């Protein structure tokens, strides 16, 4: 490709590079083009990310600073990305296939009048480039040629590992103020409501204990919460649970919820709908507990327990306590 690849990146909760942004950078190296990054925010946010960005092959990170960009405003942030791409004559613009990444690249596609390939798992440079992307909640893969310049795509979560580049760079920081209109700022975040304090982050947890419709009620999650506490795990749920009002949407694992990649995922009373499995396909191991031996989730499970979760889960917790002498 004749121009550089530009990747929109975000800062993680610990100040370092966001994990999915790191994956998008590793994916972008497949285009075999010089690698640049664009970040919206203060320069102070870019400094702690420089080592990670350089290790992943980024030569320059372009920081879009503007008094009106403190809160997320999708049209304004997309303008900053599109402006950077035009200034660099970028051959490709990428972002993580997160809710924010997909939203921003959709705005960039509208501004540049170019097609967007979302949730890609592979890309082959060429004229035109070819991509493989997940469709229908991960139940099928689509191969397509993308006719557009620049190439716009988002990277499916956990499709690649954020592995260091063969030739690390000393990432330089360049700042700019994007040209924004009043229309760019019509939609923006005006208030943030913090989640309940405590607990383990669902997206970052090494162990996730989830419940589905089979849990039976909001009170039924108490046995899952007990197991999660013993394992230092996060508690998740299926869409059916949030629809019933038993758990908040922030706990949902799935295509329209959080996509996770724990070391082990313990699914209790979850049937295994395609949309749910799209959110947990990154799990290294899957333990399924369900009384229905024909449940579709067992086709994806590494370990299967056919039984009543309200008997099985407390039994697991009891054995953990016994092993720990508590």
C-alpha atoms as a PDB file:
ATOM      1  CA  UNK A   1       0.000   0.000   0.000  1.00  0.00           C
ATOM      2  CA  UNK A   2       1.341   3.422  -0.941  1.00  0.00           C
ATOM      3  CA  UNK A   3       0.475   5.362   2.221  1.00  0.00           C
ATOM      4  CA  UNK A   4       0.728   4.740   5.967  1.00  0.00           C
ATOM      5  CA  UNK A   5      -1.814   2.872   8.072  1.00  0.00           C
ATOM      6  CA  UNK A   6      -3.510   5.011  10.728  1.00  0.00           C
ATOM      7  CA  UNK A   7      -5.002   3.357  13.828  1.00  0.00           C
ATOM      8  CA  UNK A   8      -7.336   5.059  16.300  1.00  0.00           C
ATOM      9  CA  UNK A   9      -6.164   4.141  19.809  1.00  0.00           C
ATOM     10  CA  UNK A  10      -7.503   4.643  23.305  1.00  0.00           C
ATOM     11  CA  UNK A  11      -6.053   4.734  26.797  1.00  0.00           C
ATOM     12  CA  UNK A  12      -6.878   1.853  29.124  1.00  0.00           C
ATOM     13  CA  UNK A  13      -8.145   2.316  32.690  1.00  0.00           C
ATOM     14  CA  UNK A  14      -4.609   1.957  34.047  1.00  0.00           C
ATOM     15  CA  UNK A  15      -3.247   4.708  31.804  1.00  0.00           C
ATOM     16  CA  UNK A  16      -1.480   2.303  29.450  1.00  0.00           C
ATOM     17  CA  UNK A  17      -2.585   1.417  25.948  1.00  0.00           C
ATOM     18  CA  UNK A  18      -6.061  -0.146  25.745  1.00  0.00           C
ATOM     19  CA  UNK A  19      -5.836  -3.894  25.043  1.00  0.00           C
ATOM     20  CA  UNK A  20      -8.121  -3.853  22.002  1.00  0.00           C
ATOM     21  CA  UNK A  21      -6.221  -0.891  20.556  1.00  0.00           C
ATOM     22  CA  UNK A  22      -3.021  -2.924  20.880  1.00  0.00           C
ATOM     23  CA  UNK A  23      -4.669  -5.755  18.980  1.00  0.00           C
ATOM     24  CA  UNK A  24      -5.736  -3.340  16.225  1.00  0.00           C
ATOM     25  CA  UNK A  25      -2.148  -2.101  15.895  1.00  0.00           C
ATOM     26  CA  UNK A  26      -0.806  -5.650  15.607  1.00  0.00           C
ATOM     27  CA  UNK A  27      -3.467  -6.355  12.969  1.00  0.00           C
ATOM     28  CA  UNK A  28      -2.541  -3.192  11.035  1.00  0.00           C
ATOM     29  CA  UNK A  29       1.053  -4.417  10.618  1.00  0.00           C
ATOM     30  CA  UNK A  30      -0.305  -7.024   8.190  1.00  0.00           C
ATOM     31  CA  UNK A  31      -0.783  -4.190   5.710  1.00  0.00           C
ATOM     32  CA  UNK A  32       3.007  -3.799   5.583  1.00  0.00           C
ATOM     33  CA  UNK A  33       2.756   0.006   5.693  1.00  0.00           C
ATOM     34  CA  UNK A  34       4.316   2.595   8.017  1.00  0.00           C
ATOM     35  CA  UNK A  35       2.235   2.636  11.187  1.00  0.00           C
ATOM     36  CA  UNK A  36       0.777   5.772  12.769  1.00  0.00           C
ATOM     37  CA  UNK A  37      -1.700   6.171  15.628  1.00  0.00           C
ATOM     38  CA  UNK A  38      -4.259   8.881  16.412  1.00  0.00           C
ATOM     39  CA  UNK A  39      -5.423   9.636  19.956  1.00  0.00           C
ATOM     40  CA  UNK A  40      -8.062  12.125  21.044  1.00  0.00           C
ATOM     41  CA  UNK A  41      -7.146  13.793  24.319  1.00  0.00           C
ATOM     42  CA  UNK A  42      -4.369  15.648  26.115  1.00  0.00           C
ATOM     43  CA  UNK A  43      -0.683  14.999  25.448  1.00  0.00           C
ATOM     44  CA  UNK A  44      -0.411  13.812  29.050  1.00  0.00           C
ATOM     45  CA  UNK A  45      -2.546  10.816  28.081  1.00  0.00           C
ATOM     46  CA  UNK A  46      -0.170   9.858  25.277  1.00  0.00           C
ATOM     47  CA  UNK A  47       3.034   9.880  27.329  1.00  0.00           C
ATOM     48  CA  UNK A  48       2.416   6.672  29.367  1.00  0.00           C
ATOM     49  CA  UNK A  49       1.328   4.921  26.162  1.00  0.00           C
ATOM     50  CA  UNK A  50       4.500   5.692  24.203  1.00  0.00           C
ATOM     51  CA  UNK A  51       6.449   2.563  25.220  1.00  0.00           C
ATOM     52  CA  UNK A  52       3.569   0.268  24.220  1.00  0.00           C
ATOM     53  CA  UNK A  53       2.928   2.163  20.977  1.00  0.00           C
ATOM     54  CA  UNK A  54       6.591   2.022  20.010  1.00  0.00           C
ATOM     55  CA  UNK A  55       6.852  -1.665  20.868  1.00  0.00           C
ATOM     56  CA  UNK A  56       3.917  -2.345  18.543  1.00  0.00           C
ATOM     57  CA  UNK A  57       5.623  -0.520  15.654  1.00  0.00           C
ATOM     58  CA  UNK A  58       4.089   2.968  15.796  1.00  0.00           C
ATOM     59  CA  UNK A  59       6.409   5.669  14.522  1.00  0.00           C
ATOM     60  CA  UNK A  60       4.178   8.666  15.310  1.00  0.00           C
ATOM     61  CA  UNK A  61       1.123   9.191  17.506  1.00  0.00           C
ATOM     62  CA  UNK A  62      -1.015  12.164  16.481  1.00  0.00           C
ATOM     63  CA  UNK A  63      -2.781  13.689  19.479  1.00  0.00           C
ATOM     64  CA  UNK A  64      -5.938  15.665  18.719  1.00  0.00           C
ATOM     65  CA  UNK A  65      -6.326  18.364  21.331  1.00  0.00           C
ATOM     66  CA  UNK A  66      -9.277  20.765  21.464  1.00  0.00           C
ATOM     67  CA  UNK A  67     -11.172  22.428  24.335  1.00  0.00           C
ATOM     68  CA  UNK A  68     -14.384  20.729  23.192  1.00  0.00           C
ATOM     69  CA  UNK A  69     -12.935  17.225  22.956  1.00  0.00           C
ATOM     70  CA  UNK A  70     -12.809  16.418  26.650  1.00  0.00           C
ATOM     71  CA  UNK A  71     -16.049  14.423  26.470  1.00  0.00           C
ATOM     72  CA  UNK A  72     -16.781  11.801  23.835  1.00  0.00           C
ATOM     73  CA  UNK A  73     -18.456  13.375  20.805  1.00  0.00           C
ATOM     74  CA  UNK A  74     -18.577  10.821  17.967  1.00  0.00           C
ATOM     75  CA  UNK A  75     -18.806  13.274  15.058  1.00  0.00           C
ATOM     76  CA  UNK A  76     -16.011  15.461  16.456  1.00  0.00           C
ATOM     77  CA  UNK A  77     -13.724  12.531  17.182  1.00  0.00           C
ATOM     78  CA  UNK A  78     -14.402  11.132  13.704  1.00  0.00           C
ATOM     79  CA  UNK A  79     -13.485  14.521  12.228  1.00  0.00           C
ATOM     80  CA  UNK A  80     -10.134  14.360  14.063  1.00  0.00           C
ATOM     81  CA  UNK A  81      -9.487  10.878  12.642  1.00  0.00           C
ATOM     82  CA  UNK A  82     -10.541  11.807   9.103  1.00  0.00           C
ATOM     83  CA  UNK A  83      -8.473  15.007   9.201  1.00  0.00           C
ATOM     84  CA  UNK A  84      -5.385  13.078  10.307  1.00  0.00           C
ATOM     85  CA  UNK A  85      -5.900  10.485   7.588  1.00  0.00           C
ATOM     86  CA  UNK A  86      -6.200  13.176   4.914  1.00  0.00           C
ATOM     87  CA  UNK A  87      -3.100  15.010   6.128  1.00  0.00           C
ATOM     88  CA  UNK A  88      -1.045  11.785   6.061  1.00  0.00           C
ATOM     89  CA  UNK A  89      -2.609  10.550   2.786  1.00  0.00           C
ATOM     90  CA  UNK A  90      -3.250   7.349   4.762  1.00  0.00           C
ATOM     91  CA  UNK A  91      -3.836   4.201   2.735  1.00  0.00           C
ATOM     92  CA  UNK A  92      -5.837   2.627   5.571  1.00  0.00           C
ATOM     93  CA  UNK A  93      -7.647   3.712   8.728  1.00  0.00           C
ATOM     94  CA  UNK A  94      -8.348   1.129  11.431  1.00  0.00           C
ATOM     95  CA  UNK A  95      -9.879   0.897  14.894  1.00  0.00           C
ATOM     96  CA  UNK A  96     -10.738  -1.839  17.362  1.00  0.00           C
ATOM     97  CA  UNK A  97     -14.103  -3.484  16.716  1.00  0.00           C
ATOM     98  CA  UNK A  98     -15.496  -2.193  20.001  1.00  0.00           C
ATOM     99  CA  UNK A  99     -18.722  -0.219  20.286  1.00  0.00           C
ATOM    100  CA  UNK A 100     -16.732   3.016  20.152  1.00  0.00           C
ATOM    101  CA  UNK A 101     -14.383   1.885  17.380  1.00  0.00           C
ATOM    102  CA  UNK A 102     -17.228   0.726  15.157  1.00  0.00           C
ATOM    103  CA  UNK A 103     -19.190   3.913  15.790  1.00  0.00           C
ATOM    104  CA  UNK A 104     -16.270   6.203  15.005  1.00  0.00           C
ATOM    105  CA  UNK A 105     -15.219   4.387  11.824  1.00  0.00           C
ATOM    106  CA  UNK A 106     -18.851   4.466  10.646  1.00  0.00           C
ATOM    107  CA  UNK A 107     -18.741   8.256  11.010  1.00  0.00           C
ATOM    108  CA  UNK A 108     -15.412   8.389   9.169  1.00  0.00           C
ATOM    109  CA  UNK A 109     -16.890   6.267   6.369  1.00  0.00           C
ATOM    110  CA  UNK A 110     -19.814   8.683   6.045  1.00  0.00           C
ATOM    111  CA  UNK A 111     -17.507  11.702   5.939  1.00  0.00           C
ATOM    112  CA  UNK A 112     -15.173  10.209   3.348  1.00  0.00           C
ATOM    113  CA  UNK A 113     -17.943   8.420   1.406  1.00  0.00           C
ATOM    114  CA  UNK A 114     -16.007   5.158   1.535  1.00  0.00           C
ATOM    115  CA  UNK A 115     -17.118   1.628   2.494  1.00  0.00           C
ATOM    116  CA  UNK A 116     -16.364   0.235   5.948  1.00  0.00           C
ATOM    117  CA  UNK A 117     -15.485  -3.400   6.646  1.00  0.00           C
ATOM    118  CA  UNK A 118     -16.367  -4.053  10.298  1.00  0.00           C
ATOM    119  CA  UNK A 119     -15.151  -6.806  12.646  1.00  0.00           C
ATOM    120  CA  UNK A 120     -12.359  -8.146  10.435  1.00  0.00           C
ATOM    121  CA  UNK A 121     -10.237 -11.135  11.454  1.00  0.00           C
ATOM    122  CA  UNK A 122      -7.767 -11.027   8.549  1.00  0.00           C
ATOM    123  CA  UNK A 123      -6.664  -8.723   5.749  1.00  0.00           C
ATOM    124  CA  UNK A 124      -4.599  -9.289   2.619  1.00  0.00           C
ATOM    125  CA  UNK A 125      -3.066  -6.225   0.916  1.00  0.00           C
ATOM    126  CA  UNK A 126      -3.812  -5.873  -2.760  1.00  0.00           C
ATOM    127  CA  UNK A 127      -5.704  -3.877  -5.345  1.00  0.00           C
ATOM    128  CA  UNK A 128      -8.310  -4.146  -3.956  1.00  0.00           C
ATOM    129  CA  UNK A 129      -7.417  -5.532  -0.520  1.00  0.00           C
ATOM    130  CA  UNK A 130      -9.301  -8.594   0.708  1.00  0.00           C
ATOM    131  CA  UNK A 131     -10.714  -9.036   4.197  1.00  0.00           C
ATOM    132  CA  UNK A 132     -12.317 -11.799   6.194  1.00  0.00           C
ATOM    133  CA  UNK A 133     -14.847 -10.645   8.752  1.00  0.00           C
ATOM    134  CA  UNK A 134     -17.244 -12.216  11.220  1.00  0.00           C
ATOM    135  CA  UNK A 135     -20.964 -11.980  10.496  1.00  0.00           C
ATOM    136  CA  UNK A 136     -24.177 -13.072  12.192  1.00  0.00           C
ATOM    137  CA  UNK A 137     -22.705 -12.977  15.662  1.00  0.00           C
ATOM    138  CA  UNK A 138     -19.693 -15.077  14.676  1.00  0.00           C
ATOM    139  CA  UNK A 139     -21.679 -17.916  13.095  1.00  0.00           C
ATOM    140  CA  UNK A 140     -20.102 -17.359   9.684  1.00  0.00           C
ATOM    141  CA  UNK A 141     -17.066 -15.748   8.061  1.00  0.00           C
ATOM    142  CA  UNK A 142     -17.393 -13.476   5.040  1.00  0.00           C
ATOM    143  CA  UNK A 143     -14.603 -12.929   2.528  1.00  0.00           C
ATOM    144  CA  UNK A 144     -14.824  -9.665   0.621  1.00  0.00           C
ATOM    145  CA  UNK A 145     -12.863  -7.248  -1.547  1.00  0.00           C
ATOM    146  CA  UNK A 146     -12.993  -3.670  -0.308  1.00  0.00           C
ATOM    147  CA  UNK A 147     -13.059  -1.041  -3.058  1.00  0.00           C
ATOM    148  CA  UNK A 148     -12.250   2.254  -1.389  1.00  0.00           C
ATOM    149  CA  UNK A 149      -9.474   4.655  -0.542  1.00  0.00           C
ATOM    150  CA  UNK A 150      -8.515   4.863   2.194  1.00  0.00           C
ATOM    151  CA  UNK A 151      -9.304   1.312   3.313  1.00  0.00           C
ATOM    152  CA  UNK A 152     -11.553   1.551   6.391  1.00  0.00           C
ATOM    153  CA  UNK A 153     -11.892  -1.394   8.745  1.00  0.00           C
ATOM    154  CA  UNK A 154     -12.360  -2.384  12.356  1.00  0.00           C
ATOM    155  CA  UNK A 155     -10.692  -5.383  13.963  1.00  0.00           C
ATOM    156  CA  UNK A 156     -12.787  -8.046  15.693  1.00  0.00           C
ATOM    157  CA  UNK A 157     -11.992  -8.276  19.401  1.00  0.00           C
ATOM    158  CA  UNK A 158      -9.402 -10.935  20.228  1.00  0.00           C
ATOM    159  CA  UNK A 159      -8.915 -11.875  16.557  1.00  0.00           C
ATOM    160  CA  UNK A 160      -5.172 -11.310  16.980  1.00  0.00           C
ATOM    161  CA  UNK A 161      -2.795 -10.974  19.904  1.00  0.00           C
ATOM    162  CA  UNK A 162      -1.154  -7.634  20.638  1.00  0.00           C
ATOM    163  CA  UNK A 163       2.312  -9.027  19.925  1.00  0.00           C
ATOM    164  CA  UNK A 164       5.319  -6.668  19.721  1.00  0.00           C
ATOM    165  CA  UNK A 165       6.604  -5.647  16.310  1.00  0.00           C
ATOM    166  CA  UNK A 166       9.752  -7.287  14.909  1.00  0.00           C
ATOM    167  CA  UNK A 167      11.228  -3.781  14.608  1.00  0.00           C
ATOM    168  CA  UNK A 168      10.103  -1.602  17.554  1.00  0.00           C
ATOM    169  CA  UNK A 169       9.994   2.185  17.091  1.00  0.00           C
ATOM    170  CA  UNK A 170      10.590   5.261  19.211  1.00  0.00           C
ATOM    171  CA  UNK A 171       7.094   6.666  18.961  1.00  0.00           C
ATOM    172  CA  UNK A 172       7.067  10.427  18.501  1.00  0.00           C
ATOM    173  CA  UNK A 173       4.162  12.612  19.623  1.00  0.00           C
ATOM    174  CA  UNK A 174       2.689  15.272  17.363  1.00  0.00           C
ATOM    175  CA  UNK A 175      -0.225  17.439  18.457  1.00  0.00           C
ATOM    176  CA  UNK A 176      -2.850  19.183  16.345  1.00  0.00           C
ATOM    177  CA  UNK A 177      -6.170  20.957  16.792  1.00  0.00           C
ATOM    178  CA  UNK A 178      -8.848  19.546  14.477  1.00  0.00           C
ATOM    179  CA  UNK A 179     -11.199  21.921  12.671  1.00  0.00           C
ATOM    180  CA  UNK A 180     -14.580  21.355  14.254  1.00  0.00           C
ATOM    181  CA  UNK A 181     -17.976  22.806  13.438  1.00  0.00           C
ATOM    182  CA  UNK A 182     -20.908  23.333  15.786  1.00  0.00           C
ATOM    183  CA  UNK A 183     -22.637  20.365  14.147  1.00  0.00           C
ATOM    184  CA  UNK A 184     -19.724  18.123  15.166  1.00  0.00           C
ATOM    185  CA  UNK A 185     -20.513  18.813  18.812  1.00  0.00           C
ATOM    186  CA  UNK A 186     -24.281  18.423  18.800  1.00  0.00           C
ATOM    187  CA  UNK A 187     -24.023  14.872  20.200  1.00  0.00           C
ATOM    188  CA  UNK A 188     -21.637  14.356  23.084  1.00  0.00           C
ATOM    189  CA  UNK A 189     -21.500  12.837  26.545  1.00  0.00           C
ATOM    190  CA  UNK A 190     -22.862  15.288  29.091  1.00  0.00           C
ATOM    191  CA  UNK A 191     -22.728  13.125  32.206  1.00  0.00           C
ATOM    192  CA  UNK A 192     -21.185   9.883  33.390  1.00  0.00           C
ATOM    193  CA  UNK A 193     -22.861   7.627  35.933  1.00  0.00           C
ATOM    194  CA  UNK A 194     -20.223   5.442  37.614  1.00  0.00           C
ATOM    195  CA  UNK A 195     -20.826   1.733  37.991  1.00  0.00           C
ATOM    196  CA  UNK A 196     -21.276   0.304  41.454  1.00  0.00           C
ATOM    197  CA  UNK A 197     -17.974   0.269  43.302  1.00  0.00           C
ATOM    198  CA  UNK A 198     -16.077  -2.929  43.862  1.00  0.00           C
ATOM    199  CA  UNK A 199     -15.952  -6.188  41.942  1.00  0.00           C
ATOM    200  CA  UNK A 200     -13.798  -7.331  39.053  1.00  0.00           C
ATOM    201  CA  UNK A 201     -13.988  -5.785  35.593  1.00  0.00           C
ATOM    202  CA  UNK A 202     -15.874  -8.107  33.247  1.00  0.00           C
ATOM    203  CA  UNK A 203     -13.733  -7.263  30.207  1.00  0.00           C
ATOM    204  CA  UNK A 204     -10.420  -7.756  32.040  1.00  0.00           C
ATOM    205  CA  UNK A 205     -11.248 -10.687  34.346  1.00  0.00           C
ATOM    206  CA  UNK A 206      -9.234 -13.912  34.130  1.00  0.00           C
ATOM    207  CA  UNK A 207     -12.261 -15.859  35.342  1.00  0.00           C
ATOM    208  CA  UNK A 208     -15.909 -15.077  34.561  1.00  0.00           C
ATOM    209  CA  UNK A 209     -18.910 -16.808  36.131  1.00  0.00           C
ATOM    210  CA  UNK A 210     -22.060 -16.167  34.089  1.00  0.00           C
ATOM    211  CA  UNK A 211     -25.706 -17.029  34.502  1.00  0.00           C
ATOM    212  CA  UNK A 212     -28.533 -17.335  32.020  1.00  0.00           C
ATOM    213  CA  UNK A 213     -32.280 -17.804  32.127  1.00  0.00           C
ATOM    214  CA  UNK A 214     -31.698 -21.104  33.965  1.00  0.00           C
ATOM    215  CA  UNK A 215     -30.658 -19.205  37.102  1.00  0.00           C
ATOM    216  CA  UNK A 216     -34.352 -18.518  37.576  1.00  0.00           C
ATOM    217  CA  UNK A 217     -34.338 -15.118  39.273  1.00  0.00           C
ATOM    218  CA  UNK A 218     -32.204 -12.182  40.378  1.00  0.00           C
ATOM    219  CA  UNK A 219     -31.896 -13.824  43.813  1.00  0.00           C
ATOM    220  CA  UNK A 220     -30.652 -16.999  42.134  1.00  0.00           C
ATOM    221  CA  UNK A 221     -27.409 -15.214  41.223  1.00  0.00           C
ATOM    222  CA  UNK A 222     -26.310 -15.328  44.859  1.00  0.00           C
ATOM    223  CA  UNK A 223     -24.735 -18.780  44.372  1.00  0.00           C
ATOM    224  CA  UNK A 224     -22.849 -17.495  41.302  1.00  0.00           C
ATOM    225  CA  UNK A 225     -21.663 -14.420  43.196  1.00  0.00           C
ATOM    226  CA  UNK A 226     -20.422 -16.676  46.003  1.00  0.00           C
ATOM    227  CA  UNK A 227     -18.405 -18.792  43.552  1.00  0.00           C
ATOM    228  CA  UNK A 228     -17.076 -15.679  41.811  1.00  0.00           C
ATOM    229  CA  UNK A 229     -15.882 -14.265  45.130  1.00  0.00           C
ATOM    230  CA  UNK A 230     -13.996 -17.475  45.900  1.00  0.00           C
ATOM    231  CA  UNK A 231     -12.344 -17.430  42.456  1.00  0.00           C
ATOM    232  CA  UNK A 232     -11.684 -13.686  42.295  1.00  0.00           C
ATOM    233  CA  UNK A 233     -13.926 -13.690  39.233  1.00  0.00           C
ATOM    234  CA  UNK A 234     -16.331 -11.294  37.553  1.00  0.00           C
ATOM    235  CA  UNK A 235     -20.037 -12.086  37.307  1.00  0.00           C
ATOM    236  CA  UNK A 236     -21.653 -11.959  33.876  1.00  0.00           C
ATOM    237  CA  UNK A 237     -24.985 -12.896  32.366  1.00  0.00           C
ATOM    238  CA  UNK A 238     -26.852 -13.528  29.136  1.00  0.00           C
ATOM    239  CA  UNK A 239     -29.163 -11.145  27.306  1.00  0.00           C
ATOM    240  CA  UNK A 240     -32.222 -13.007  28.598  1.00  0.00           C
ATOM    241  CA  UNK A 241     -31.168 -12.066  32.127  1.00  0.00           C
ATOM    242  CA  UNK A 242     -30.820  -8.351  31.388  1.00  0.00           C
ATOM    243  CA  UNK A 243     -34.116  -8.397  29.470  1.00  0.00           C
ATOM    244  CA  UNK A 244     -35.771  -9.865  32.562  1.00  0.00           C
ATOM    245  CA  UNK A 245     -34.271  -7.093  34.696  1.00  0.00           C
ATOM    246  CA  UNK A 246     -32.301  -9.466  36.917  1.00  0.00           C
ATOM    247  CA  UNK A 247     -28.884  -7.905  36.158  1.00  0.00           C
ATOM    248  CA  UNK A 248     -27.750  -4.595  34.587  1.00  0.00           C
ATOM    249  CA  UNK A 249     -26.728  -4.420  30.919  1.00  0.00           C
ATOM    250  CA  UNK A 250     -23.131  -3.802  32.008  1.00  0.00           C
ATOM    251  CA  UNK A 251     -23.005  -7.460  33.121  1.00  0.00           C
ATOM    252  CA  UNK A 252     -24.119  -8.833  29.751  1.00  0.00           C
ATOM    253  CA  UNK A 253     -21.744 -11.041  27.779  1.00  0.00           C
ATOM    254  CA  UNK A 254     -22.513 -11.330  24.090  1.00  0.00           C
ATOM    255  CA  UNK A 255     -22.703  -9.714  20.698  1.00  0.00           C
ATOM    256  CA  UNK A 256     -24.612  -6.730  22.096  1.00  0.00           C
ATOM    257  CA  UNK A 257     -22.831  -6.827  25.455  1.00  0.00           C
ATOM    258  CA  UNK A 258     -19.218  -7.206  26.550  1.00  0.00           C
ATOM    259  CA  UNK A 259     -16.815  -9.386  24.583  1.00  0.00           C
ATOM    260  CA  UNK A 260     -14.536 -11.254  26.973  1.00  0.00           C
ATOM    261  CA  UNK A 261     -11.400 -13.391  26.801  1.00  0.00           C
ATOM    262  CA  UNK A 262     -10.852 -14.930  30.268  1.00  0.00           C
ATOM    263  CA  UNK A 263      -8.684 -17.927  31.065  1.00  0.00           C
ATOM    264  CA  UNK A 264     -11.878 -19.801  31.979  1.00  0.00           C
ATOM    265  CA  UNK A 265     -15.538 -18.990  31.435  1.00  0.00           C
ATOM    266  CA  UNK A 266     -18.069 -20.736  33.682  1.00  0.00           C
ATOM    267  CA  UNK A 267     -21.495 -20.618  32.013  1.00  0.00           C
ATOM    268  CA  UNK A 268     -24.379 -21.598  34.289  1.00  0.00           C
ATOM    269  CA  UNK A 269     -27.861 -22.149  32.926  1.00  0.00           C
ATOM    270  CA  UNK A 270     -26.947 -20.626  29.546  1.00  0.00           C
ATOM    271  CA  UNK A 271     -28.273 -22.389  26.453  1.00  0.00           C
ATOM    272  CA  UNK A 272     -25.554 -21.148  24.099  1.00  0.00           C
ATOM    273  CA  UNK A 273     -27.326 -18.838  21.650  1.00  0.00           C
ATOM    274  CA  UNK A 274     -25.152 -17.609  18.790  1.00  0.00           C
ATOM    275  CA  UNK A 275     -25.243 -14.016  20.018  1.00  0.00           C
ATOM    276  CA  UNK A 276     -24.001 -15.037  23.460  1.00  0.00           C
ATOM    277  CA  UNK A 277     -21.234 -17.269  22.120  1.00  0.00           C
ATOM    278  CA  UNK A 278     -19.983 -14.373  19.980  1.00  0.00           C
ATOM    279  CA  UNK A 279     -19.142 -12.558  23.201  1.00  0.00           C
ATOM    280  CA  UNK A 280     -17.256 -15.384  24.939  1.00  0.00           C
ATOM    281  CA  UNK A 281     -15.479 -17.021  21.973  1.00  0.00           C
ATOM    282  CA  UNK A 282     -12.201 -15.509  23.190  1.00  0.00           C
ATOM    283  CA  UNK A 283     -12.284 -17.601  26.402  1.00  0.00           C
ATOM    284  CA  UNK A 284      -9.382 -20.046  26.683  1.00  0.00           C
ATOM    285  CA  UNK A 285     -11.554 -22.687  28.402  1.00  0.00           C
ATOM    286  CA  UNK A 286     -15.312 -23.023  28.773  1.00  0.00           C
ATOM    287  CA  UNK A 287     -17.060 -24.909  31.590  1.00  0.00           C
ATOM    288  CA  UNK A 288     -20.789 -25.276  30.939  1.00  0.00           C
ATOM    289  CA  UNK A 289     -23.333 -26.257  33.591  1.00  0.00           C
ATOM    290  CA  UNK A 290     -26.822 -27.018  32.288  1.00  0.00           C
ATOM    291  CA  UNK A 291     -29.525 -29.588  33.101  1.00  0.00           C
ATOM    292  CA  UNK A 292     -30.292 -30.054  29.387  1.00  0.00           C
ATOM    293  CA  UNK A 293     -27.790 -32.466  27.902  1.00  0.00           C
ATOM    294  CA  UNK A 294     -28.799 -31.296  24.423  1.00  0.00           C
ATOM    295  CA  UNK A 295     -28.066 -27.607  25.089  1.00  0.00           C
ATOM    296  CA  UNK A 296     -26.096 -26.099  22.204  1.00  0.00           C
ATOM    297  CA  UNK A 297     -23.487 -24.613  24.531  1.00  0.00           C
ATOM    298  CA  UNK A 298     -22.050 -28.088  25.130  1.00  0.00           C
ATOM    299  CA  UNK A 299     -20.827 -28.163  21.514  1.00  0.00           C
ATOM    300  CA  UNK A 300     -18.367 -25.378  22.422  1.00  0.00           C
ATOM    301  CA  UNK A 301     -17.559 -26.491  25.977  1.00  0.00           C
ATOM    302  CA  UNK A 302     -14.206 -27.867  27.092  1.00  0.00           C
ATOM    303  CA  UNK A 303     -15.818 -29.191  30.272  1.00  0.00           C
ATOM    304  CA  UNK A 304     -19.492 -30.096  30.672  1.00  0.00           C
ATOM    305  CA  UNK A 305     -21.601 -30.700  33.757  1.00  0.00           C
ATOM    306  CA  UNK A 306     -25.160 -31.875  33.112  1.00  0.00           C
ATOM    307  CA  UNK A 307     -27.097 -30.947  36.233  1.00  0.00           C
ATOM    308  CA  UNK A 308     -28.956 -28.325  38.225  1.00  0.00           C
ATOM    309  CA  UNK A 309     -26.699 -25.285  38.694  1.00  0.00           C
ATOM    310  CA  UNK A 310     -28.310 -24.609  42.090  1.00  0.00           C
ATOM    311  CA  UNK A 311     -26.827 -27.914  43.268  1.00  0.00           C
ATOM    312  CA  UNK A 312     -23.623 -27.987  41.210  1.00  0.00           C
ATOM    313  CA  UNK A 313     -22.387 -24.436  41.863  1.00  0.00           C
ATOM    314  CA  UNK A 314     -22.746 -24.575  45.689  1.00  0.00           C
ATOM    315  CA  UNK A 315     -20.989 -27.967  45.600  1.00  0.00           C
ATOM    316  CA  UNK A 316     -18.036 -26.393  43.722  1.00  0.00           C
ATOM    317  CA  UNK A 317     -17.913 -23.552  46.253  1.00  0.00           C
ATOM    318  CA  UNK A 318     -17.982 -26.025  49.144  1.00  0.00           C
ATOM    319  CA  UNK A 319     -15.065 -27.994  47.670  1.00  0.00           C
ATOM    320  CA  UNK A 320     -13.066 -24.805  47.160  1.00  0.00           C
ATOM    321  CA  UNK A 321     -13.583 -23.852  50.806  1.00  0.00           C
ATOM    322  CA  UNK A 322     -12.648 -27.344  51.923  1.00  0.00           C
ATOM    323  CA  UNK A 323      -9.444 -27.267  49.864  1.00  0.00           C
ATOM    324  CA  UNK A 324      -8.536 -23.886  51.375  1.00  0.00           C
ATOM    325  CA  UNK A 325      -9.474 -24.949  54.883  1.00  0.00           C
ATOM    326  CA  UNK A 326     -12.000 -22.162  55.289  1.00  0.00           C
END
